[in-house]
Amino acid sequence: MTAYAIDVRNEAGYAVDSAALVLAASTVLDQHEVNRESGLTVVFVDDAAIAAYNRQFRGVDAPTDVLSFPADTPPVEIPDEPPYLGDLIIAYPYASAQAARERHRLGDSLALLVIHGTLHLLGYDHDTPENRAEMWAAQDEALKALGIPTDIVPALEQHPDHHDEQE
């Protein structure tokens, strides 16, 4: 069976388990029966870089944990290339501090950010109570499939510095 084309870019060499993050994204894509040839990229950056993206694309002058940048809808079709879903930008220092503050395993928190961001790439949002309920149900399903406690979600979501959005 063809695997998804999930690229984890970690040029700074942060302590991440790329295979676990690929599994987190793949779990979401499998649960949504996405074309197995589809691709996405997870990029780890520092807080200054994500703050610059946040300022440029959302008008928010602050760092955040994850930003999702979906590709064109429908996904861009390039001959001999898999359908591309988009990019997830994760601020490792921000996410690491967030996990420590909330007393969660860093690997679980990073997997949650990948799950959350991948759901945004698939069109989910949490802009209304109905959309939030639908997105959180899909997020919980993926977390449970990976054996990650779902109670890490509210703590991350309710923190005043949590500003994720899709573009």
N, C-alpha and C. Protein backbone atom coordinates (compact mmCIF):
# COMPACT_ATOMS: atom_id res chain seq x y z
N MET A 1 0.84 -1.18 0.00
CA MET A 1 0.00 0.00 0.00
C MET A 1 0.88 1.24 0.00
N THR A 2 0.51 2.19 -0.80
CA THR A 2 1.25 3.44 -0.88
C THR A 2 1.12 4.23 0.41
N ALA A 3 2.20 4.82 0.84
CA ALA A 3 2.17 5.64 2.04
C ALA A 3 1.98 7.11 1.66
N TYR A 4 1.47 7.87 2.58
CA TYR A 4 1.34 9.31 2.36
C TYR A 4 2.74 9.92 2.22
N ALA A 5 2.83 11.02 1.49
CA ALA A 5 4.08 11.75 1.33
C ALA A 5 4.12 12.85 2.40
N ILE A 6 4.52 12.46 3.61
CA ILE A 6 4.57 13.40 4.73
C ILE A 6 6.03 13.72 5.01
N ASP A 7 6.37 14.98 4.84
CA ASP A 7 7.75 15.43 5.00
C ASP A 7 7.86 16.23 6.30
N VAL A 8 8.74 15.80 7.20
CA VAL A 8 8.99 16.54 8.43
C VAL A 8 10.32 17.26 8.26
N ARG A 9 10.26 18.58 8.30
CA ARG A 9 11.46 19.41 8.14
C ARG A 9 11.83 20.00 9.50
N ASN A 10 13.04 19.67 9.91
CA ASN A 10 13.52 20.05 11.24
C ASN A 10 14.97 20.49 11.13
N GLU A 11 15.17 21.56 10.38
CA GLU A 11 16.54 22.01 10.10
C GLU A 11 17.31 22.43 11.34
N ALA A 12 16.61 22.84 12.40
CA ALA A 12 17.29 23.25 13.63
C ALA A 12 17.70 22.04 14.49
N GLY A 13 17.22 20.85 14.12
CA GLY A 13 17.60 19.65 14.86
C GLY A 13 16.92 19.53 16.21
N TYR A 14 15.68 20.03 16.33
CA TYR A 14 14.94 19.89 17.58
C TYR A 14 14.71 18.41 17.88
N ALA A 15 14.51 18.09 19.15
CA ALA A 15 14.31 16.71 19.59
C ALA A 15 12.87 16.27 19.29
N VAL A 16 12.63 15.86 18.06
CA VAL A 16 11.30 15.39 17.68
C VAL A 16 11.40 13.97 17.13
N ASP A 17 10.34 13.22 17.35
CA ASP A 17 10.23 11.87 16.81
C ASP A 17 9.44 11.98 15.50
N SER A 18 10.16 12.15 14.40
CA SER A 18 9.51 12.35 13.11
C SER A 18 8.56 11.21 12.76
N ALA A 19 8.95 9.97 13.06
CA ALA A 19 8.09 8.84 12.73
C ALA A 19 6.75 8.92 13.47
N ALA A 20 6.78 9.35 14.74
CA ALA A 20 5.54 9.49 15.51
C ALA A 20 4.65 10.59 14.92
N LEU A 21 5.26 11.65 14.41
CA LEU A 21 4.49 12.74 13.84
C LEU A 21 3.90 12.35 12.49
N VAL A 22 4.66 11.59 11.72
CA VAL A 22 4.13 11.05 10.46
C VAL A 22 2.94 10.13 10.76
N LEU A 23 3.07 9.32 11.80
CA LEU A 23 1.97 8.44 12.21
C LEU A 23 0.75 9.25 12.63
N ALA A 24 0.95 10.35 13.36
CA ALA A 24 -0.17 11.18 13.80
C ALA A 24 -0.92 11.75 12.59
N ALA A 25 -0.18 12.31 11.63
CA ALA A 25 -0.82 12.85 10.42
C ALA A 25 -1.49 11.74 9.62
N SER A 26 -0.80 10.61 9.47
CA SER A 26 -1.35 9.48 8.71
C SER A 26 -2.63 8.95 9.32
N THR A 27 -2.69 8.94 10.65
CA THR A 27 -3.90 8.48 11.35
C THR A 27 -5.10 9.35 10.98
N VAL A 28 -4.91 10.66 10.99
CA VAL A 28 -5.99 11.57 10.61
C VAL A 28 -6.38 11.34 9.15
N LEU A 29 -5.40 11.23 8.28
CA LEU A 29 -5.69 11.05 6.85
C LEU A 29 -6.40 9.73 6.60
N ASP A 30 -5.97 8.67 7.28
CA ASP A 30 -6.65 7.36 7.16
C ASP A 30 -8.09 7.46 7.63
N GLN A 31 -8.31 8.12 8.77
CA GLN A 31 -9.66 8.22 9.32
C GLN A 31 -10.60 9.01 8.41
N HIS A 32 -10.02 9.82 7.53
CA HIS A 32 -10.83 10.61 6.59
C HIS A 32 -10.75 10.06 5.17
N GLU A 33 -10.17 8.88 5.03
CA GLU A 33 -10.09 8.18 3.75
C GLU A 33 -9.52 9.08 2.65
N VAL A 34 -8.44 9.78 2.99
CA VAL A 34 -7.76 10.65 2.04
C VAL A 34 -6.91 9.78 1.10
N ASN A 35 -6.80 10.19 -0.13
CA ASN A 35 -5.98 9.51 -1.13
C ASN A 35 -4.60 9.21 -0.53
N ARG A 36 -4.20 7.93 -0.58
CA ARG A 36 -2.94 7.49 0.05
C ARG A 36 -1.70 8.11 -0.58
N GLU A 37 -1.84 8.76 -1.72
CA GLU A 37 -0.70 9.40 -2.35
C GLU A 37 -0.59 10.88 -1.95
N SER A 38 -1.52 11.36 -1.12
CA SER A 38 -1.52 12.77 -0.72
C SER A 38 -0.30 13.10 0.12
N GLY A 39 0.06 14.38 0.09
CA GLY A 39 1.22 14.81 0.85
C GLY A 39 0.96 16.06 1.67
N LEU A 40 1.79 16.24 2.69
CA LEU A 40 1.79 17.45 3.48
C LEU A 40 3.18 17.59 4.08
N THR A 41 3.47 18.79 4.55
CA THR A 41 4.77 19.05 5.15
C THR A 41 4.58 19.62 6.55
N VAL A 42 5.39 19.12 7.49
CA VAL A 42 5.43 19.64 8.85
C VAL A 42 6.80 20.31 9.00
N VAL A 43 6.78 21.61 9.31
CA VAL A 43 8.02 22.37 9.42
C VAL A 43 8.16 22.87 10.85
N PHE A 44 9.30 22.59 11.46
CA PHE A 44 9.58 23.10 12.81
C PHE A 44 10.41 24.37 12.69
N VAL A 45 9.96 25.39 13.42
CA VAL A 45 10.63 26.70 13.41
C VAL A 45 10.78 27.19 14.85
N ASP A 46 11.47 28.32 15.01
CA ASP A 46 11.58 28.92 16.34
C ASP A 46 10.42 29.90 16.55
N ASP A 47 10.36 30.45 17.75
CA ASP A 47 9.25 31.34 18.09
C ASP A 47 9.24 32.62 17.25
N ALA A 48 10.42 33.15 16.93
CA ALA A 48 10.49 34.38 16.13
C ALA A 48 9.94 34.13 14.73
N ALA A 49 10.26 32.99 14.15
CA ALA A 49 9.77 32.68 12.80
C ALA A 49 8.25 32.52 12.79
N ILE A 50 7.71 31.80 13.77
CA ILE A 50 6.25 31.62 13.76
C ILE A 50 5.53 32.93 14.07
N ALA A 51 6.14 33.77 14.91
CA ALA A 51 5.54 35.08 15.19
C ALA A 51 5.49 35.91 13.90
N ALA A 52 6.52 35.81 13.07
CA ALA A 52 6.53 36.54 11.80
C ALA A 52 5.43 36.02 10.87
N TYR A 53 5.26 34.70 10.79
CA TYR A 53 4.16 34.12 9.98
C TYR A 53 2.81 34.57 10.53
N ASN A 54 2.67 34.52 11.84
CA ASN A 54 1.42 34.89 12.49
C ASN A 54 1.07 36.36 12.20
N ARG A 55 2.07 37.21 12.25
CA ARG A 55 1.89 38.64 11.97
C ARG A 55 1.53 38.84 10.49
N GLN A 56 2.25 38.16 9.60
CA GLN A 56 2.04 38.33 8.16
C GLN A 56 0.69 37.80 7.69
N PHE A 57 0.31 36.61 8.18
CA PHE A 57 -0.88 35.96 7.63
C PHE A 57 -2.13 36.12 8.47
N ARG A 58 -1.98 36.47 9.75
CA ARG A 58 -3.16 36.58 10.61
C ARG A 58 -3.29 37.93 11.28
N GLY A 59 -2.24 38.77 11.15
CA GLY A 59 -2.29 40.07 11.80
C GLY A 59 -2.17 40.00 13.30
N VAL A 60 -1.62 38.88 13.82
CA VAL A 60 -1.44 38.69 15.26
C VAL A 60 0.05 38.78 15.55
N ASP A 61 0.45 39.78 16.32
CA ASP A 61 1.86 40.01 16.59
C ASP A 61 2.31 39.24 17.83
N ALA A 62 2.33 37.90 17.69
CA ALA A 62 2.71 37.03 18.80
C ALA A 62 3.05 35.65 18.26
N PRO A 63 3.88 34.92 18.99
CA PRO A 63 4.12 33.53 18.59
C PRO A 63 2.90 32.68 18.92
N THR A 64 2.84 31.50 18.37
CA THR A 64 1.77 30.54 18.63
C THR A 64 2.37 29.15 18.49
N ASP A 65 1.56 28.12 18.69
CA ASP A 65 2.09 26.77 18.63
C ASP A 65 2.09 26.20 17.21
N VAL A 66 0.98 26.34 16.50
CA VAL A 66 0.88 25.74 15.16
C VAL A 66 0.07 26.64 14.25
N LEU A 67 0.51 26.72 13.00
CA LEU A 67 -0.25 27.39 11.94
C LEU A 67 -0.43 26.39 10.81
N SER A 68 -1.60 26.40 10.22
CA SER A 68 -1.91 25.50 9.10
C SER A 68 -2.12 26.33 7.85
N PHE A 69 -1.48 25.90 6.78
CA PHE A 69 -1.61 26.58 5.49
C PHE A 69 -2.09 25.57 4.46
N PRO A 70 -3.41 25.43 4.30
CA PRO A 70 -3.92 24.48 3.32
C PRO A 70 -3.51 24.87 1.90
N ALA A 71 -3.28 23.85 1.07
CA ALA A 71 -3.04 24.08 -0.35
C ALA A 71 -4.36 24.48 -0.98
N ASP A 72 -4.31 24.80 -2.23
CA ASP A 72 -5.54 25.15 -2.94
C ASP A 72 -6.56 24.04 -2.83
N THR A 73 -7.83 24.41 -2.85
CA THR A 73 -8.91 23.42 -2.82
C THR A 73 -9.54 23.39 -4.19
N PRO A 74 -9.63 22.23 -4.85
CA PRO A 74 -9.10 20.96 -4.38
C PRO A 74 -7.57 20.99 -4.37
N PRO A 75 -6.97 19.97 -3.71
CA PRO A 75 -5.51 19.95 -3.66
C PRO A 75 -4.90 20.08 -5.05
N VAL A 76 -3.77 20.76 -5.08
CA VAL A 76 -3.08 21.00 -6.35
C VAL A 76 -2.70 19.67 -6.98
N GLU A 77 -3.09 19.49 -8.22
CA GLU A 77 -2.76 18.27 -8.96
C GLU A 77 -1.64 18.60 -9.94
N ILE A 78 -0.47 18.04 -9.70
CA ILE A 78 0.67 18.21 -10.59
C ILE A 78 1.00 16.84 -11.15
N PRO A 79 1.13 16.72 -12.48
CA PRO A 79 1.43 15.40 -13.06
C PRO A 79 2.63 14.75 -12.38
N ASP A 80 2.48 13.46 -12.10
CA ASP A 80 3.52 12.64 -11.46
C ASP A 80 3.85 13.08 -10.03
N GLU A 81 3.03 13.92 -9.44
CA GLU A 81 3.19 14.32 -8.04
C GLU A 81 1.91 13.99 -7.28
N PRO A 82 2.04 13.62 -6.00
CA PRO A 82 0.83 13.32 -5.22
C PRO A 82 0.03 14.60 -4.95
N PRO A 83 -1.28 14.47 -4.68
CA PRO A 83 -2.06 15.66 -4.30
C PRO A 83 -1.47 16.26 -3.03
N TYR A 84 -1.25 17.57 -3.03
CA TYR A 84 -0.61 18.22 -1.90
C TYR A 84 -1.65 18.92 -1.04
N LEU A 85 -1.69 18.58 0.25
CA LEU A 85 -2.70 19.12 1.17
C LEU A 85 -2.31 20.45 1.79
N GLY A 86 -1.01 20.67 2.05
CA GLY A 86 -0.58 21.92 2.62
C GLY A 86 0.55 21.76 3.62
N ASP A 87 0.78 22.82 4.39
CA ASP A 87 1.90 22.88 5.32
C ASP A 87 1.42 23.14 6.74
N LEU A 88 2.10 22.52 7.70
CA LEU A 88 1.92 22.80 9.12
C LEU A 88 3.23 23.42 9.60
N ILE A 89 3.13 24.56 10.26
CA ILE A 89 4.31 25.22 10.82
C ILE A 89 4.15 25.13 12.34
N ILE A 90 5.12 24.49 13.00
CA ILE A 90 5.08 24.30 14.45
C ILE A 90 6.28 24.99 15.08
N ALA A 91 6.01 25.81 16.10
CA ALA A 91 7.09 26.47 16.85
C ALA A 91 7.52 25.52 17.97
N TYR A 92 8.66 24.87 17.77
CA TYR A 92 9.12 23.89 18.76
C TYR A 92 9.34 24.51 20.13
N PRO A 93 10.05 25.66 20.26
CA PRO A 93 10.25 26.20 21.61
C PRO A 93 8.92 26.52 22.30
N TYR A 94 7.99 27.09 21.56
CA TYR A 94 6.68 27.44 22.12
C TYR A 94 5.95 26.18 22.56
N ALA A 95 5.92 25.17 21.67
CA ALA A 95 5.22 23.91 21.98
C ALA A 95 5.88 23.18 23.15
N SER A 96 7.20 23.24 23.22
CA SER A 96 7.93 22.59 24.31
C SER A 96 7.60 23.25 25.65
N ALA A 97 7.60 24.58 25.68
CA ALA A 97 7.28 25.30 26.91
C ALA A 97 5.82 25.06 27.30
N GLN A 98 4.95 25.00 26.30
CA GLN A 98 3.53 24.75 26.55
C GLN A 98 3.34 23.36 27.19
N ALA A 99 4.02 22.36 26.64
CA ALA A 99 3.92 21.00 27.18
C ALA A 99 4.44 20.95 28.62
N ALA A 100 5.56 21.62 28.87
CA ALA A 100 6.12 21.64 30.22
C ALA A 100 5.18 22.34 31.19
N ARG A 101 4.62 23.47 30.78
CA ARG A 101 3.71 24.22 31.63
C ARG A 101 2.47 23.40 31.97
N GLU A 102 1.96 22.67 31.01
CA GLU A 102 0.74 21.87 31.20
C GLU A 102 1.04 20.47 31.76
N ARG A 103 2.34 20.15 31.92
CA ARG A 103 2.79 18.85 32.43
C ARG A 103 2.34 17.70 31.54
N HIS A 104 2.47 17.90 30.23
CA HIS A 104 2.17 16.86 29.25
C HIS A 104 3.47 16.39 28.62
N ARG A 105 3.45 15.14 28.17
CA ARG A 105 4.60 14.64 27.43
C ARG A 105 4.75 15.46 26.15
N LEU A 106 5.96 15.88 25.85
CA LEU A 106 6.20 16.70 24.67
C LEU A 106 5.77 15.95 23.40
N GLY A 107 6.07 14.67 23.32
CA GLY A 107 5.69 13.90 22.14
C GLY A 107 4.18 13.89 21.93
N ASP A 108 3.42 13.78 23.02
CA ASP A 108 1.95 13.81 22.91
C ASP A 108 1.48 15.19 22.45
N SER A 109 2.07 16.23 22.99
CA SER A 109 1.68 17.59 22.61
C SER A 109 1.99 17.87 21.15
N LEU A 110 3.17 17.43 20.68
CA LEU A 110 3.52 17.62 19.27
C LEU A 110 2.58 16.82 18.36
N ALA A 111 2.22 15.60 18.78
CA ALA A 111 1.28 14.80 17.99
C ALA A 111 -0.08 15.50 17.92
N LEU A 112 -0.52 16.07 19.05
CA LEU A 112 -1.78 16.81 19.06
C LEU A 112 -1.72 17.98 18.06
N LEU A 113 -0.62 18.72 18.05
CA LEU A 113 -0.50 19.84 17.13
C LEU A 113 -0.55 19.37 15.68
N VAL A 114 0.08 18.24 15.38
CA VAL A 114 0.04 17.70 14.02
C VAL A 114 -1.38 17.25 13.67
N ILE A 115 -2.05 16.57 14.61
CA ILE A 115 -3.43 16.15 14.38
C ILE A 115 -4.32 17.36 14.13
N HIS A 116 -4.21 18.35 15.01
CA HIS A 116 -5.03 19.55 14.92
C HIS A 116 -4.78 20.27 13.59
N GLY A 117 -3.52 20.45 13.26
CA GLY A 117 -3.17 21.12 12.01
C GLY A 117 -3.62 20.35 10.79
N THR A 118 -3.48 19.02 10.82
CA THR A 118 -3.91 18.20 9.69
C THR A 118 -5.42 18.31 9.49
N LEU A 119 -6.16 18.35 10.58
CA LEU A 119 -7.61 18.53 10.47
C LEU A 119 -7.93 19.88 9.80
N HIS A 120 -7.18 20.93 10.15
CA HIS A 120 -7.37 22.21 9.47
C HIS A 120 -7.10 22.07 7.97
N LEU A 121 -6.05 21.32 7.61
CA LEU A 121 -5.75 21.12 6.19
C LEU A 121 -6.89 20.42 5.47
N LEU A 122 -7.65 19.61 6.20
CA LEU A 122 -8.78 18.88 5.61
C LEU A 122 -10.08 19.70 5.64
N GLY A 123 -9.99 20.94 6.12
CA GLY A 123 -11.15 21.82 6.09
C GLY A 123 -11.88 22.02 7.39
N TYR A 124 -11.43 21.36 8.47
CA TYR A 124 -12.05 21.55 9.77
C TYR A 124 -11.69 22.92 10.32
N ASP A 125 -12.56 23.46 11.17
CA ASP A 125 -12.28 24.71 11.85
C ASP A 125 -13.02 24.69 13.18
N HIS A 126 -12.71 25.64 14.05
CA HIS A 126 -13.37 25.73 15.35
C HIS A 126 -13.89 27.14 15.56
N ASP A 127 -14.44 27.71 14.49
CA ASP A 127 -14.92 29.09 14.50
C ASP A 127 -16.35 29.23 15.03
N THR A 128 -17.09 28.13 15.13
CA THR A 128 -18.44 28.14 15.70
C THR A 128 -18.54 26.97 16.66
N PRO A 129 -19.50 26.98 17.58
CA PRO A 129 -19.65 25.84 18.49
C PRO A 129 -19.89 24.52 17.74
N GLU A 130 -20.64 24.55 16.66
CA GLU A 130 -20.92 23.33 15.89
C GLU A 130 -19.65 22.82 15.22
N ASN A 131 -18.90 23.73 14.59
CA ASN A 131 -17.66 23.32 13.93
C ASN A 131 -16.64 22.82 14.95
N ARG A 132 -16.58 23.49 16.10
CA ARG A 132 -15.64 23.08 17.15
C ARG A 132 -15.97 21.66 17.63
N ALA A 133 -17.25 21.38 17.85
CA ALA A 133 -17.65 20.05 18.31
C ALA A 133 -17.25 18.99 17.29
N GLU A 134 -17.45 19.29 16.01
CA GLU A 134 -17.10 18.34 14.95
C GLU A 134 -15.59 18.13 14.88
N MET A 135 -14.84 19.22 14.98
CA MET A 135 -13.38 19.12 14.92
C MET A 135 -12.83 18.39 16.13
N TRP A 136 -13.37 18.72 17.32
CA TRP A 136 -12.87 18.07 18.54
C TRP A 136 -13.19 16.57 18.54
N ALA A 137 -14.32 16.18 17.97
CA ALA A 137 -14.65 14.75 17.88
C ALA A 137 -13.64 14.05 16.99
N ALA A 138 -13.30 14.65 15.85
CA ALA A 138 -12.31 14.05 14.94
C ALA A 138 -10.93 14.02 15.60
N GLN A 139 -10.60 15.08 16.32
CA GLN A 139 -9.32 15.16 17.02
C GLN A 139 -9.23 14.08 18.10
N ASP A 140 -10.30 13.93 18.88
CA ASP A 140 -10.33 12.90 19.93
C ASP A 140 -10.19 11.50 19.33
N GLU A 141 -10.83 11.27 18.20
CA GLU A 141 -10.75 9.96 17.55
C GLU A 141 -9.31 9.63 17.18
N ALA A 142 -8.60 10.60 16.63
CA ALA A 142 -7.19 10.38 16.27
C ALA A 142 -6.32 10.19 17.50
N LEU A 143 -6.53 11.02 18.53
CA LEU A 143 -5.75 10.88 19.76
C LEU A 143 -5.95 9.50 20.37
N LYS A 144 -7.20 9.05 20.44
CA LYS A 144 -7.49 7.72 21.01
C LYS A 144 -6.83 6.62 20.20
N ALA A 145 -6.85 6.74 18.87
CA ALA A 145 -6.23 5.73 18.01
C ALA A 145 -4.73 5.63 18.28
N LEU A 146 -4.13 6.75 18.70
CA LEU A 146 -2.69 6.79 18.98
C LEU A 146 -2.36 6.53 20.44
N GLY A 147 -3.40 6.34 21.27
CA GLY A 147 -3.17 6.09 22.69
C GLY A 147 -2.75 7.33 23.47
N ILE A 148 -3.13 8.50 22.98
CA ILE A 148 -2.79 9.76 23.65
C ILE A 148 -4.01 10.23 24.43
N PRO A 149 -3.83 10.59 25.71
CA PRO A 149 -4.97 11.03 26.51
C PRO A 149 -5.64 12.27 25.91
N THR A 150 -6.95 12.23 25.77
CA THR A 150 -7.68 13.35 25.18
C THR A 150 -7.77 14.54 26.13
N ASP A 151 -7.45 14.35 27.40
CA ASP A 151 -7.54 15.47 28.33
C ASP A 151 -6.45 16.52 28.12
N ILE A 152 -5.49 16.28 27.21
CA ILE A 152 -4.50 17.32 26.93
C ILE A 152 -5.10 18.43 26.06
N VAL A 153 -6.20 18.15 25.38
CA VAL A 153 -6.77 19.13 24.45
C VAL A 153 -7.31 20.37 25.15
N PRO A 154 -8.20 20.27 26.14
CA PRO A 154 -8.75 21.50 26.72
C PRO A 154 -7.69 22.41 27.32
N ALA A 155 -6.70 21.83 27.97
CA ALA A 155 -5.67 22.64 28.60
C ALA A 155 -4.93 23.47 27.56
N LEU A 156 -4.60 22.87 26.42
CA LEU A 156 -3.90 23.61 25.39
C LEU A 156 -4.82 24.64 24.74
N GLU A 157 -6.05 24.28 24.48
CA GLU A 157 -6.98 25.13 23.76
C GLU A 157 -7.40 26.35 24.57
N GLN A 158 -7.49 26.21 25.87
CA GLN A 158 -8.01 27.29 26.68
C GLN A 158 -6.93 28.27 27.14
N HIS A 159 -5.67 27.95 26.90
CA HIS A 159 -4.61 28.85 27.35
C HIS A 159 -4.66 30.14 26.55
N PRO A 160 -4.47 31.30 27.19
CA PRO A 160 -4.61 32.58 26.49
C PRO A 160 -3.60 32.77 25.35
N ASP A 161 -2.49 32.05 25.36
CA ASP A 161 -1.49 32.22 24.30
C ASP A 161 -1.74 31.32 23.11
N HIS A 162 -2.76 30.48 23.15
CA HIS A 162 -3.03 29.55 22.06
C HIS A 162 -3.77 30.30 20.95
N HIS A 163 -3.13 30.41 19.78
CA HIS A 163 -3.69 31.23 18.70
C HIS A 163 -3.71 30.50 17.37
N ASP A 164 -3.83 29.20 17.33
CA ASP A 164 -3.72 28.55 16.02
C ASP A 164 -4.88 28.95 15.13
N GLU A 165 -4.64 28.95 13.88
CA GLU A 165 -5.67 29.24 12.87
C GLU A 165 -5.23 28.64 11.57
N GLN A 166 -6.17 28.49 10.70
CA GLN A 166 -5.81 28.09 9.35
C GLN A 166 -5.86 29.33 8.47
N GLU A 167 -5.11 29.28 7.42
CA GLU A 167 -5.09 30.42 6.48
C GLU A 167 -5.86 30.03 5.24
